[in-house]
mmCIF file of all heavy atoms, coordinates in Angstrom:
data_MODEL
# 
_entry.id   MODEL 
# 
loop_
_atom_site.group_PDB 
_atom_site.id 
_atom_site.type_symbol 
_atom_site.label_atom_id 
_atom_site.label_alt_id 
_atom_site.label_comp_id 
_atom_site.label_asym_id 
_atom_site.label_entity_id 
_atom_site.label_seq_id 
_atom_site.pdbx_PDB_ins_code 
_atom_site.Cartn_x 
_atom_site.Cartn_y 
_atom_site.Cartn_z 
_atom_site.occupancy 
_atom_site.B_iso_or_equiv 
_atom_site.pdbx_formal_charge 
_atom_site.auth_seq_id 
_atom_site.auth_comp_id 
_atom_site.auth_asym_id 
_atom_site.auth_atom_id 
_atom_site.pdbx_PDB_model_num 
ATOM 1   N N   . HIS A 1 1  ? 8.782  -3.227 1.395   1.00 0.00 ? 1  HIS A N   1 
ATOM 2   C CA  . HIS A 1 1  ? 7.413  -3.131 1.895   1.00 0.00 ? 1  HIS A CA  1 
ATOM 3   C C   . HIS A 1 1  ? 6.729  -1.872 1.240   1.00 0.00 ? 1  HIS A C   1 
ATOM 4   O O   . HIS A 1 1  ? 5.477  -1.921 1.045   1.00 0.00 ? 1  HIS A O   1 
ATOM 5   C CB  . HIS A 1 1  ? 7.418  -3.051 3.464   1.00 0.00 ? 1  HIS A CB  1 
ATOM 6   C CG  . HIS A 1 1  ? 7.689  -4.306 4.120   1.00 0.00 ? 1  HIS A CG  1 
ATOM 7   N ND1 . HIS A 1 1  ? 6.836  -5.389 4.051   1.00 0.00 ? 1  HIS A ND1 1 
ATOM 8   C CD2 . HIS A 1 1  ? 8.688  -4.689 4.866   1.00 0.00 ? 1  HIS A CD2 1 
ATOM 9   C CE1 . HIS A 1 1  ? 7.372  -6.406 4.710   1.00 0.00 ? 1  HIS A CE1 1 
ATOM 10  N NE2 . HIS A 1 1  ? 8.498  -5.974 5.251   1.00 0.00 ? 1  HIS A NE2 1 
ATOM 11  N N   . LEU A 1 2  ? 7.457  -0.848 1.049   1.00 0.00 ? 2  LEU A N   1 
ATOM 12  C CA  . LEU A 1 2  ? 6.884  0.374  0.417   1.00 0.00 ? 2  LEU A CA  1 
ATOM 13  C C   . LEU A 1 2  ? 6.390  0.009  -0.991  1.00 0.00 ? 2  LEU A C   1 
ATOM 14  O O   . LEU A 1 2  ? 5.352  0.389  -1.327  1.00 0.00 ? 2  LEU A O   1 
ATOM 15  C CB  . LEU A 1 2  ? 8.017  1.436  0.356   1.00 0.00 ? 2  LEU A CB  1 
ATOM 16  C CG  . LEU A 1 2  ? 7.645  2.666  -0.486  1.00 0.00 ? 2  LEU A CG  1 
ATOM 17  C CD1 . LEU A 1 2  ? 6.490  3.439  0.145   1.00 0.00 ? 2  LEU A CD1 1 
ATOM 18  C CD2 . LEU A 1 2  ? 8.941  3.528  -0.611  1.00 0.00 ? 2  LEU A CD2 1 
ATOM 19  N N   . PHE A 1 3  ? 7.240  -0.709 -1.731  1.00 0.00 ? 3  PHE A N   1 
ATOM 20  C CA  . PHE A 1 3  ? 6.862  -1.083 -3.109  1.00 0.00 ? 3  PHE A CA  1 
ATOM 21  C C   . PHE A 1 3  ? 5.624  -2.019 -3.107  1.00 0.00 ? 3  PHE A C   1 
ATOM 22  O O   . PHE A 1 3  ? 4.729  -1.942 -3.930  1.00 0.00 ? 3  PHE A O   1 
ATOM 23  C CB  . PHE A 1 3  ? 8.031  -1.788 -3.811  1.00 0.00 ? 3  PHE A CB  1 
ATOM 24  C CG  . PHE A 1 3  ? 9.037  -0.856 -4.380  1.00 0.00 ? 3  PHE A CG  1 
ATOM 25  C CD1 . PHE A 1 3  ? 9.227  0.431  -3.864  1.00 0.00 ? 3  PHE A CD1 1 
ATOM 26  C CD2 . PHE A 1 3  ? 9.864  -1.267 -5.458  1.00 0.00 ? 3  PHE A CD2 1 
ATOM 27  C CE1 . PHE A 1 3  ? 10.182 1.287  -4.413  1.00 0.00 ? 3  PHE A CE1 1 
ATOM 28  C CE2 . PHE A 1 3  ? 10.754 -0.374 -6.011  1.00 0.00 ? 3  PHE A CE2 1 
ATOM 29  C CZ  . PHE A 1 3  ? 10.970 0.926  -5.436  1.00 0.00 ? 3  PHE A CZ  1 
ATOM 30  N N   . ARG A 1 4  ? 5.603  -2.937 -2.182  1.00 0.00 ? 4  ARG A N   1 
ATOM 31  C CA  . ARG A 1 4  ? 4.414  -3.832 -2.071  1.00 0.00 ? 4  ARG A CA  1 
ATOM 32  C C   . ARG A 1 4  ? 3.136  -2.993 -1.804  1.00 0.00 ? 4  ARG A C   1 
ATOM 33  O O   . ARG A 1 4  ? 2.066  -3.290 -2.366  1.00 0.00 ? 4  ARG A O   1 
ATOM 34  C CB  . ARG A 1 4  ? 4.634  -4.838 -0.973  1.00 0.00 ? 4  ARG A CB  1 
ATOM 35  C CG  . ARG A 1 4  ? 5.729  -5.857 -1.174  1.00 0.00 ? 4  ARG A CG  1 
ATOM 36  C CD  . ARG A 1 4  ? 6.037  -6.639 0.014   1.00 0.00 ? 4  ARG A CD  1 
ATOM 37  N NE  . ARG A 1 4  ? 4.874  -7.438 0.477   1.00 0.00 ? 4  ARG A NE  1 
ATOM 38  C CZ  . ARG A 1 4  ? 4.695  -8.722 0.195   1.00 0.00 ? 4  ARG A CZ  1 
ATOM 39  N NH1 . ARG A 1 4  ? 5.625  -9.396 -0.537  1.00 0.00 ? 4  ARG A NH1 1 
ATOM 40  N NH2 . ARG A 1 4  ? 3.706  -9.384 0.614   1.00 0.00 ? 4  ARG A NH2 1 
ATOM 41  N N   . GLY A 1 5  ? 3.272  -1.999 -0.977  1.00 0.00 ? 5  GLY A N   1 
ATOM 42  C CA  . GLY A 1 5  ? 2.135  -1.163 -0.627  1.00 0.00 ? 5  GLY A CA  1 
ATOM 43  C C   . GLY A 1 5  ? 1.636  -0.375 -1.848  1.00 0.00 ? 5  GLY A C   1 
ATOM 44  O O   . GLY A 1 5  ? 0.427  -0.199 -2.019  1.00 0.00 ? 5  GLY A O   1 
ATOM 45  N N   . LEU A 1 6  ? 2.650  0.126  -2.607  1.00 0.00 ? 6  LEU A N   1 
ATOM 46  C CA  . LEU A 1 6  ? 2.254  0.826  -3.872  1.00 0.00 ? 6  LEU A CA  1 
ATOM 47  C C   . LEU A 1 6  ? 1.529  -0.031 -4.869  1.00 0.00 ? 6  LEU A C   1 
ATOM 48  O O   . LEU A 1 6  ? 0.612  0.462  -5.519  1.00 0.00 ? 6  LEU A O   1 
ATOM 49  C CB  . LEU A 1 6  ? 3.506  1.508  -4.443  1.00 0.00 ? 6  LEU A CB  1 
ATOM 50  C CG  . LEU A 1 6  ? 4.162  2.637  -3.630  1.00 0.00 ? 6  LEU A CG  1 
ATOM 51  C CD1 . LEU A 1 6  ? 5.550  3.015  -4.204  1.00 0.00 ? 6  LEU A CD1 1 
ATOM 52  C CD2 . LEU A 1 6  ? 3.225  3.857  -3.553  1.00 0.00 ? 6  LEU A CD2 1 
ATOM 53  N N   . ILE A 1 7  ? 2.063  -1.251 -5.049  1.00 0.00 ? 7  ILE A N   1 
ATOM 54  C CA  . ILE A 1 7  ? 1.369  -2.102 -6.027  1.00 0.00 ? 7  ILE A CA  1 
ATOM 55  C C   . ILE A 1 7  ? -0.047 -2.524 -5.503  1.00 0.00 ? 7  ILE A C   1 
ATOM 56  O O   . ILE A 1 7  ? -0.991 -2.582 -6.266  1.00 0.00 ? 7  ILE A O   1 
ATOM 57  C CB  . ILE A 1 7  ? 2.190  -3.436 -6.222  1.00 0.00 ? 7  ILE A CB  1 
ATOM 58  C CG1 . ILE A 1 7  ? 3.369  -3.097 -7.142  1.00 0.00 ? 7  ILE A CG1 1 
ATOM 59  C CG2 . ILE A 1 7  ? 1.354  -4.603 -6.791  1.00 0.00 ? 7  ILE A CG2 1 
ATOM 60  C CD1 . ILE A 1 7  ? 4.209  -4.306 -7.585  1.00 0.00 ? 7  ILE A CD1 1 
ATOM 61  N N   . LYS A 1 8  ? -0.161 -2.628 -4.202  1.00 0.00 ? 8  LYS A N   1 
ATOM 62  C CA  . LYS A 1 8  ? -1.471 -3.009 -3.624  1.00 0.00 ? 8  LYS A CA  1 
ATOM 63  C C   . LYS A 1 8  ? -2.425 -1.848 -3.815  1.00 0.00 ? 8  LYS A C   1 
ATOM 64  O O   . LYS A 1 8  ? -3.677 -2.074 -4.036  1.00 0.00 ? 8  LYS A O   1 
ATOM 65  C CB  . LYS A 1 8  ? -1.301 -3.279 -2.110  1.00 0.00 ? 8  LYS A CB  1 
ATOM 66  C CG  . LYS A 1 8  ? -2.570 -3.847 -1.510  1.00 0.00 ? 8  LYS A CG  1 
ATOM 67  C CD  . LYS A 1 8  ? -2.288 -4.299 -0.088  1.00 0.00 ? 8  LYS A CD  1 
ATOM 68  C CE  . LYS A 1 8  ? -3.577 -4.784 0.563   1.00 0.00 ? 8  LYS A CE  1 
ATOM 69  N NZ  . LYS A 1 8  ? -3.333 -5.271 1.995   1.00 0.00 ? 8  LYS A NZ  1 
ATOM 70  N N   . SER A 1 9  ? -1.931 -0.589 -3.677  1.00 0.00 ? 9  SER A N   1 
ATOM 71  C CA  . SER A 1 9  ? -2.826 0.558  -3.831  1.00 0.00 ? 9  SER A CA  1 
ATOM 72  C C   . SER A 1 9  ? -3.187 0.879  -5.302  1.00 0.00 ? 9  SER A C   1 
ATOM 73  O O   . SER A 1 9  ? -4.191 1.573  -5.556  1.00 0.00 ? 9  SER A O   1 
ATOM 74  C CB  . SER A 1 9  ? -2.237 1.806  -3.194  1.00 0.00 ? 9  SER A CB  1 
ATOM 75  O OG  . SER A 1 9  ? -0.978 2.163  -3.849  1.00 0.00 ? 9  SER A OG  1 
ATOM 76  N N   . ASN A 1 10 ? -2.411 0.383  -6.241  1.00 0.00 ? 10 ASN A N   1 
ATOM 77  C CA  . ASN A 1 10 ? -2.693 0.620  -7.629  1.00 0.00 ? 10 ASN A CA  1 
ATOM 78  C C   . ASN A 1 10 ? -2.909 -0.754 -8.307  1.00 0.00 ? 10 ASN A C   1 
ATOM 79  O O   . ASN A 1 10 ? -2.005 -1.462 -8.598  1.00 0.00 ? 10 ASN A O   1 
ATOM 80  C CB  . ASN A 1 10 ? -1.464 1.318  -8.324  1.00 0.00 ? 10 ASN A CB  1 
ATOM 81  C CG  . ASN A 1 10 ? -1.758 1.762  -9.762  1.00 0.00 ? 10 ASN A CG  1 
ATOM 82  O OD1 . ASN A 1 10 ? -2.586 1.152  -10.448 1.00 0.00 ? 10 ASN A OD1 1 
ATOM 83  N ND2 . ASN A 1 10 ? -1.103 2.839  -10.191 1.00 0.00 ? 10 ASN A ND2 1 
ATOM 84  N N   . GLU A 1 11 ? -4.148 -1.168 -8.518  1.00 0.00 ? 11 GLU A N   1 
ATOM 85  C CA  . GLU A 1 11 ? -4.575 -2.459 -8.909  1.00 0.00 ? 11 GLU A CA  1 
ATOM 86  C C   . GLU A 1 11 ? -4.052 -2.759 -10.362 1.00 0.00 ? 11 GLU A C   1 
ATOM 87  O O   . GLU A 1 11 ? -4.015 -3.897 -10.806 1.00 0.00 ? 11 GLU A O   1 
ATOM 88  C CB  . GLU A 1 11 ? -6.022 -2.638 -8.897  1.00 0.00 ? 11 GLU A CB  1 
ATOM 89  C CG  . GLU A 1 11 ? -6.837 -1.654 -9.732  1.00 0.00 ? 11 GLU A CG  1 
ATOM 90  C CD  . GLU A 1 11 ? -8.327 -1.858 -9.623  1.00 0.00 ? 11 GLU A CD  1 
ATOM 91  O OE1 . GLU A 1 11 ? -8.698 -2.953 -9.256  1.00 0.00 ? 11 GLU A OE1 1 
ATOM 92  O OE2 . GLU A 1 11 ? -9.020 -0.942 -9.874  1.00 0.00 ? 11 GLU A OE2 1 
ATOM 93  N N   . HIS A 1 12 ? -3.694 -1.716 -11.125 1.00 0.00 ? 12 HIS A N   1 
ATOM 94  C CA  . HIS A 1 12 ? -3.263 -1.943 -12.529 1.00 0.00 ? 12 HIS A CA  1 
ATOM 95  C C   . HIS A 1 12 ? -1.689 -2.250 -12.597 1.00 0.00 ? 12 HIS A C   1 
ATOM 96  O O   . HIS A 1 12 ? -1.259 -2.731 -13.637 1.00 0.00 ? 12 HIS A O   1 
ATOM 97  C CB  . HIS A 1 12 ? -3.566 -0.722 -13.387 1.00 0.00 ? 12 HIS A CB  1 
ATOM 98  C CG  . HIS A 1 12 ? -4.943 -0.258 -13.235 1.00 0.00 ? 12 HIS A CG  1 
ATOM 99  N ND1 . HIS A 1 12 ? -6.058 -1.135 -13.467 1.00 0.00 ? 12 HIS A ND1 1 
ATOM 100 C CD2 . HIS A 1 12 ? -5.568 0.948  -12.968 1.00 0.00 ? 12 HIS A CD2 1 
ATOM 101 C CE1 . HIS A 1 12 ? -7.172 -0.524 -13.282 1.00 0.00 ? 12 HIS A CE1 1 
ATOM 102 N NE2 . HIS A 1 12 ? -6.868 0.745  -12.970 1.00 0.00 ? 12 HIS A NE2 1 
ATOM 103 N N   . LEU A 1 13 ? -0.930 -2.022 -11.564 1.00 0.00 ? 13 LEU A N   1 
ATOM 104 C CA  . LEU A 1 13 ? 0.497  -2.328 -11.530 1.00 0.00 ? 13 LEU A CA  1 
ATOM 105 C C   . LEU A 1 13 ? 0.597  -3.834 -11.221 1.00 0.00 ? 13 LEU A C   1 
ATOM 106 O O   . LEU A 1 13 ? -0.011 -4.356 -10.319 1.00 0.00 ? 13 LEU A O   1 
ATOM 107 C CB  . LEU A 1 13 ? 1.195  -1.557 -10.529 1.00 0.00 ? 13 LEU A CB  1 
ATOM 108 C CG  . LEU A 1 13 ? 1.417  0.008  -10.794 1.00 0.00 ? 13 LEU A CG  1 
ATOM 109 C CD1 . LEU A 1 13 ? 2.177  0.581  -9.601  1.00 0.00 ? 13 LEU A CD1 1 
ATOM 110 C CD2 . LEU A 1 13 ? 2.202  0.222  -12.036 1.00 0.00 ? 13 LEU A CD2 1 
ATOM 111 N N   . PHE A 1 14 ? 1.476  -4.434 -12.001 1.00 0.00 ? 14 PHE A N   1 
ATOM 112 C CA  . PHE A 1 14 ? 1.758  -5.929 -11.642 1.00 0.00 ? 14 PHE A CA  1 
ATOM 113 C C   . PHE A 1 14 ? 3.246  -6.146 -11.502 1.00 0.00 ? 14 PHE A C   1 
ATOM 114 O O   . PHE A 1 14 ? 3.691  -7.279 -11.113 1.00 0.00 ? 14 PHE A O   1 
ATOM 115 C CB  . PHE A 1 14 ? 1.215  -6.845 -12.739 1.00 0.00 ? 14 PHE A CB  1 
ATOM 116 C CG  . PHE A 1 14 ? 1.800  -6.753 -14.060 1.00 0.00 ? 14 PHE A CG  1 
ATOM 117 C CD1 . PHE A 1 14 ? 2.875  -7.588 -14.393 1.00 0.00 ? 14 PHE A CD1 1 
ATOM 118 C CD2 . PHE A 1 14 ? 1.342  -5.965 -15.057 1.00 0.00 ? 14 PHE A CD2 1 
ATOM 119 C CE1 . PHE A 1 14 ? 3.456  -7.579 -15.666 1.00 0.00 ? 14 PHE A CE1 1 
ATOM 120 C CE2 . PHE A 1 14 ? 1.898  -5.895 -16.319 1.00 0.00 ? 14 PHE A CE2 1 
ATOM 121 C CZ  . PHE A 1 14 ? 2.919  -6.736 -16.611 1.00 0.00 ? 14 PHE A CZ  1 
ATOM 122 N N   . GLN A 1 15 ? 4.037  -5.129 -11.712 1.00 0.00 ? 15 GLN A N   1 
ATOM 123 C CA  . GLN A 1 15 ? 5.529  -5.238 -11.371 1.00 0.00 ? 15 GLN A CA  1 
ATOM 124 C C   . GLN A 1 15 ? 6.129  -3.857 -11.154 1.00 0.00 ? 15 GLN A C   1 
ATOM 125 O O   . GLN A 1 15 ? 5.826  -2.948 -11.842 1.00 0.00 ? 15 GLN A O   1 
ATOM 126 C CB  . GLN A 1 15 ? 6.232  -5.852 -12.571 1.00 0.00 ? 15 GLN A CB  1 
ATOM 127 C CG  . GLN A 1 15 ? 7.666  -6.237 -12.303 1.00 0.00 ? 15 GLN A CG  1 
ATOM 128 C CD  . GLN A 1 15 ? 8.354  -6.886 -13.487 1.00 0.00 ? 15 GLN A CD  1 
ATOM 129 O OE1 . GLN A 1 15 ? 9.010  -6.180 -14.285 1.00 0.00 ? 15 GLN A OE1 1 
ATOM 130 N NE2 . GLN A 1 15 ? 8.164  -8.185 -13.665 1.00 0.00 ? 15 GLN A NE2 1 
ATOM 131 N N   . LEU A 1 16 ? 6.926  -3.859 -10.091 1.00 0.00 ? 16 LEU A N   1 
ATOM 132 C CA  . LEU A 1 16 ? 7.582  -2.545 -9.736  1.00 0.00 ? 16 LEU A CA  1 
ATOM 133 C C   . LEU A 1 16 ? 9.018  -2.891 -9.402  1.00 0.00 ? 16 LEU A C   1 
ATOM 134 O O   . LEU A 1 16 ? 9.305  -3.798 -8.489  1.00 0.00 ? 16 LEU A O   1 
ATOM 135 C CB  . LEU A 1 16 ? 6.893  -1.897 -8.601  1.00 0.00 ? 16 LEU A CB  1 
ATOM 136 C CG  . LEU A 1 16 ? 7.359  -0.534 -8.114  1.00 0.00 ? 16 LEU A CG  1 
ATOM 137 C CD1 . LEU A 1 16 ? 7.214  0.459  -9.299  1.00 0.00 ? 16 LEU A CD1 1 
ATOM 138 C CD2 . LEU A 1 16 ? 6.476  -0.043 -6.931  1.00 0.00 ? 16 LEU A CD2 1 
ATOM 139 N N   . ARG A 1 17 ? 10.007 -2.205 -9.954  1.00 0.00 ? 17 ARG A N   1 
ATOM 140 C CA  . ARG A 1 17 ? 11.444 -2.578 -9.753  1.00 0.00 ? 17 ARG A CA  1 
ATOM 141 C C   . ARG A 1 17 ? 12.271 -1.335 -9.511  1.00 0.00 ? 17 ARG A C   1 
ATOM 142 O O   . ARG A 1 17 ? 11.980 -0.282 -10.118 1.00 0.00 ? 17 ARG A O   1 
ATOM 143 C CB  . ARG A 1 17 ? 11.987 -3.293 -10.961 1.00 0.00 ? 17 ARG A CB  1 
ATOM 144 C CG  . ARG A 1 17 ? 11.443 -4.701 -11.124 1.00 0.00 ? 17 ARG A CG  1 
ATOM 145 C CD  . ARG A 1 17 ? 12.005 -5.354 -12.407 1.00 0.00 ? 17 ARG A CD  1 
ATOM 146 N NE  . ARG A 1 17 ? 11.478 -4.707 -13.641 1.00 0.00 ? 17 ARG A NE  1 
ATOM 147 C CZ  . ARG A 1 17 ? 11.851 -4.982 -14.903 1.00 0.00 ? 17 ARG A CZ  1 
ATOM 148 N NH1 . ARG A 1 17 ? 12.879 -5.748 -15.070 1.00 0.00 ? 17 ARG A NH1 1 
ATOM 149 N NH2 . ARG A 1 17 ? 11.257 -4.359 -15.897 1.00 0.00 ? 17 ARG A NH2 1 
ATOM 150 N N   . PHE A 1 18 ? 13.288 -1.508 -8.720  1.00 0.00 ? 18 PHE A N   1 
ATOM 151 C CA  . PHE A 1 18 ? 14.413 -0.522 -8.683  1.00 0.00 ? 18 PHE A CA  1 
ATOM 152 C C   . PHE A 1 18 ? 15.618 -1.209 -9.237  1.00 0.00 ? 18 PHE A C   1 
ATOM 153 O O   . PHE A 1 18 ? 16.052 -2.332 -8.816  1.00 0.00 ? 18 PHE A O   1 
ATOM 154 C CB  . PHE A 1 18 ? 14.733 -0.072 -7.250  1.00 0.00 ? 18 PHE A CB  1 
ATOM 155 C CG  . PHE A 1 18 ? 15.900 0.787  -7.132  1.00 0.00 ? 18 PHE A CG  1 
ATOM 156 C CD1 . PHE A 1 18 ? 16.061 1.872  -7.803  1.00 0.00 ? 18 PHE A CD1 1 
ATOM 157 C CD2 . PHE A 1 18 ? 16.992 0.263  -6.313  1.00 0.00 ? 18 PHE A CD2 1 
ATOM 158 C CE1 . PHE A 1 18 ? 17.302 2.655  -7.649  1.00 0.00 ? 18 PHE A CE1 1 
ATOM 159 C CE2 . PHE A 1 18 ? 18.120 1.036  -6.190  1.00 0.00 ? 18 PHE A CE2 1 
ATOM 160 C CZ  . PHE A 1 18 ? 18.311 2.271  -6.894  1.00 0.00 ? 18 PHE A CZ  1 
ATOM 161 N N   . ILE A 1 19 ? 16.192 -0.590 -10.358 1.00 0.00 ? 19 ILE A N   1 
ATOM 162 C CA  . ILE A 1 19 ? 17.402 -1.152 -10.943 1.00 0.00 ? 19 ILE A CA  1 
ATOM 163 C C   . ILE A 1 19 ? 18.500 -0.042 -10.718 1.00 0.00 ? 19 ILE A C   1 
ATOM 164 O O   . ILE A 1 19 ? 18.363 1.147  -11.066 1.00 0.00 ? 19 ILE A O   1 
ATOM 165 C CB  . ILE A 1 19 ? 17.198 -1.321 -12.447 1.00 0.00 ? 19 ILE A CB  1 
ATOM 166 C CG1 . ILE A 1 19 ? 16.024 -2.295 -12.629 1.00 0.00 ? 19 ILE A CG1 1 
ATOM 167 C CG2 . ILE A 1 19 ? 18.407 -1.809 -13.172 1.00 0.00 ? 19 ILE A CG2 1 
ATOM 168 C CD1 . ILE A 1 19 ? 15.620 -2.459 -14.115 1.00 0.00 ? 19 ILE A CD1 1 
ATOM 169 N N   . ASP A 1 20 ? 19.690 -0.566 -10.185 1.00 0.00 ? 20 ASP A N   1 
ATOM 170 C CA  . ASP A 1 20 ? 20.736 0.513  -9.882  1.00 0.00 ? 20 ASP A CA  1 
ATOM 171 C C   . ASP A 1 20 ? 21.442 0.984  -11.125 1.00 0.00 ? 20 ASP A C   1 
ATOM 172 O O   . ASP A 1 20 ? 21.071 0.555  -12.248 1.00 0.00 ? 20 ASP A O   1 
ATOM 173 C CB  . ASP A 1 20 ? 21.705 -0.150 -8.839  1.00 0.00 ? 20 ASP A CB  1 
ATOM 174 C CG  . ASP A 1 20 ? 22.609 -1.268 -9.464  1.00 0.00 ? 20 ASP A CG  1 
ATOM 175 O OD1 . ASP A 1 20 ? 22.667 -1.371 -10.694 1.00 0.00 ? 20 ASP A OD1 1 
ATOM 176 O OD2 . ASP A 1 20 ? 23.241 -1.964 -8.703  1.00 0.00 ? 20 ASP A OD2 1 
ATOM 177 N N   . LYS A 1 21 ? 22.379 1.900  -10.946 1.00 0.00 ? 21 LYS A N   1 
ATOM 178 C CA  . LYS A 1 21 ? 22.993 2.548  -12.027 1.00 0.00 ? 21 LYS A CA  1 
ATOM 179 C C   . LYS A 1 21 ? 23.819 1.628  -12.959 1.00 0.00 ? 21 LYS A C   1 
ATOM 180 O O   . LYS A 1 21 ? 24.103 1.921  -14.114 1.00 0.00 ? 21 LYS A O   1 
ATOM 181 C CB  . LYS A 1 21 ? 23.906 3.697  -11.602 1.00 0.00 ? 21 LYS A CB  1 
ATOM 182 C CG  . LYS A 1 21 ? 25.016 3.159  -10.666 1.00 0.00 ? 21 LYS A CG  1 
ATOM 183 C CD  . LYS A 1 21 ? 25.826 4.386  -10.164 1.00 0.00 ? 21 LYS A CD  1 
ATOM 184 C CE  . LYS A 1 21 ? 26.972 3.884  -9.232  1.00 0.00 ? 21 LYS A CE  1 
ATOM 185 N NZ  . LYS A 1 21 ? 27.742 5.025  -8.751  1.00 0.00 ? 21 LYS A NZ  1 
ATOM 186 N N   . ASN A 1 22 ? 24.092 0.431  -12.432 1.00 0.00 ? 22 ASN A N   1 
ATOM 187 C CA  . ASN A 1 22 ? 24.840 -0.531 -13.230 1.00 0.00 ? 22 ASN A CA  1 
ATOM 188 C C   . ASN A 1 22 ? 23.910 -1.495 -13.977 1.00 0.00 ? 22 ASN A C   1 
ATOM 189 O O   . ASN A 1 22 ? 24.437 -2.423 -14.658 1.00 0.00 ? 22 ASN A O   1 
ATOM 190 C CB  . ASN A 1 22 ? 25.822 -1.352 -12.288 1.00 0.00 ? 22 ASN A CB  1 
ATOM 191 C CG  . ASN A 1 22 ? 26.820 -0.509 -11.685 1.00 0.00 ? 22 ASN A CG  1 
ATOM 192 O OD1 . ASN A 1 22 ? 27.456 0.390  -12.338 1.00 0.00 ? 22 ASN A OD1 1 
ATOM 193 N ND2 . ASN A 1 22 ? 27.032 -0.648 -10.294 1.00 0.00 ? 22 ASN A ND2 1 
ATOM 194 N N   . GLY A 1 23 ? 22.604 -1.339 -13.791 1.00 0.00 ? 23 GLY A N   1 
ATOM 195 C CA  . GLY A 1 23 ? 21.610 -2.157 -14.504 1.00 0.00 ? 23 GLY A CA  1 
ATOM 196 C C   . GLY A 1 23 ? 21.227 -3.415 -13.698 1.00 0.00 ? 23 GLY A C   1 
ATOM 197 O O   . GLY A 1 23 ? 20.625 -4.293 -14.234 1.00 0.00 ? 23 GLY A O   1 
ATOM 198 N N   . LEU A 1 24 ? 21.661 -3.477 -12.400 1.00 0.00 ? 24 LEU A N   1 
ATOM 199 C CA  . LEU A 1 24 ? 21.335 -4.595 -11.590 1.00 0.00 ? 24 LEU A CA  1 
ATOM 200 C C   . LEU A 1 24 ? 19.978 -4.425 -10.821 1.00 0.00 ? 24 LEU A C   1 
ATOM 201 O O   . LEU A 1 24 ? 19.831 -3.367 -10.260 1.00 0.00 ? 24 LEU A O   1 
ATOM 202 C CB  . LEU A 1 24 ? 22.431 -4.898 -10.600 1.00 0.00 ? 24 LEU A CB  1 
ATOM 203 C CG  . LEU A 1 24 ? 23.791 -5.184 -11.211 1.00 0.00 ? 24 LEU A CG  1 
ATOM 204 C CD1 . LEU A 1 24 ? 24.889 -5.275 -10.082 1.00 0.00 ? 24 LEU A CD1 1 
ATOM 205 C CD2 . LEU A 1 24 ? 23.776 -6.484 -12.032 1.00 0.00 ? 24 LEU A CD2 1 
ATOM 206 N N   . GLU A 1 25 ? 19.107 -5.402 -10.979 1.00 0.00 ? 25 GLU A N   1 
ATOM 207 C CA  . GLU A 1 25 ? 17.920 -5.361 -10.132 1.00 0.00 ? 25 GLU A CA  1 
ATOM 208 C C   . GLU A 1 25 ? 18.137 -5.444 -8.658  1.00 0.00 ? 25 GLU A C   1 
ATOM 209 O O   . GLU A 1 25 ? 18.827 -6.380 -8.276  1.00 0.00 ? 25 GLU A O   1 
ATOM 210 C CB  . GLU A 1 25 ? 16.897 -6.460 -10.561 1.00 0.00 ? 25 GLU A CB  1 
ATOM 211 C CG  . GLU A 1 25 ? 16.308 -6.364 -11.971 1.00 0.00 ? 25 GLU A CG  1 
ATOM 212 C CD  . GLU A 1 25 ? 15.345 -7.550 -12.260 1.00 0.00 ? 25 GLU A CD  1 
ATOM 213 O OE1 . GLU A 1 25 ? 15.498 -8.630 -11.738 1.00 0.00 ? 25 GLU A OE1 1 
ATOM 214 O OE2 . GLU A 1 25 ? 14.459 -7.282 -13.120 1.00 0.00 ? 25 GLU A OE2 1 
ATOM 215 N N   . LYS A 1 26 ? 17.684 -4.524 -7.928  1.00 0.00 ? 26 LYS A N   1 
ATOM 216 C CA  . LYS A 1 26 ? 17.921 -4.525 -6.484  1.00 0.00 ? 26 LYS A CA  1 
ATOM 217 C C   . LYS A 1 26 ? 16.577 -4.889 -5.711  1.00 0.00 ? 26 LYS A C   1 
ATOM 218 O O   . LYS A 1 26 ? 16.666 -5.557 -4.693  1.00 0.00 ? 26 LYS A O   1 
ATOM 219 C CB  . LYS A 1 26 ? 18.443 -3.141 -6.006  1.00 0.00 ? 26 LYS A CB  1 
ATOM 220 C CG  . LYS A 1 26 ? 19.784 -2.831 -6.502  1.00 0.00 ? 26 LYS A CG  1 
ATOM 221 C CD  . LYS A 1 26 ? 20.851 -3.830 -5.956  1.00 0.00 ? 26 LYS A CD  1 
ATOM 222 C CE  . LYS A 1 26 ? 22.222 -3.545 -6.286  1.00 0.00 ? 26 LYS A CE  1 
ATOM 223 N NZ  . LYS A 1 26 ? 23.159 -4.466 -5.739  1.00 0.00 ? 26 LYS A NZ  1 
# 
């Protein structure tokens, strides 16, 4: 929900990801 709010507040962002230390998208 935090990431969704950040994308909503920045209209130029269209993707936001957290990838763990092993390279896996979380």
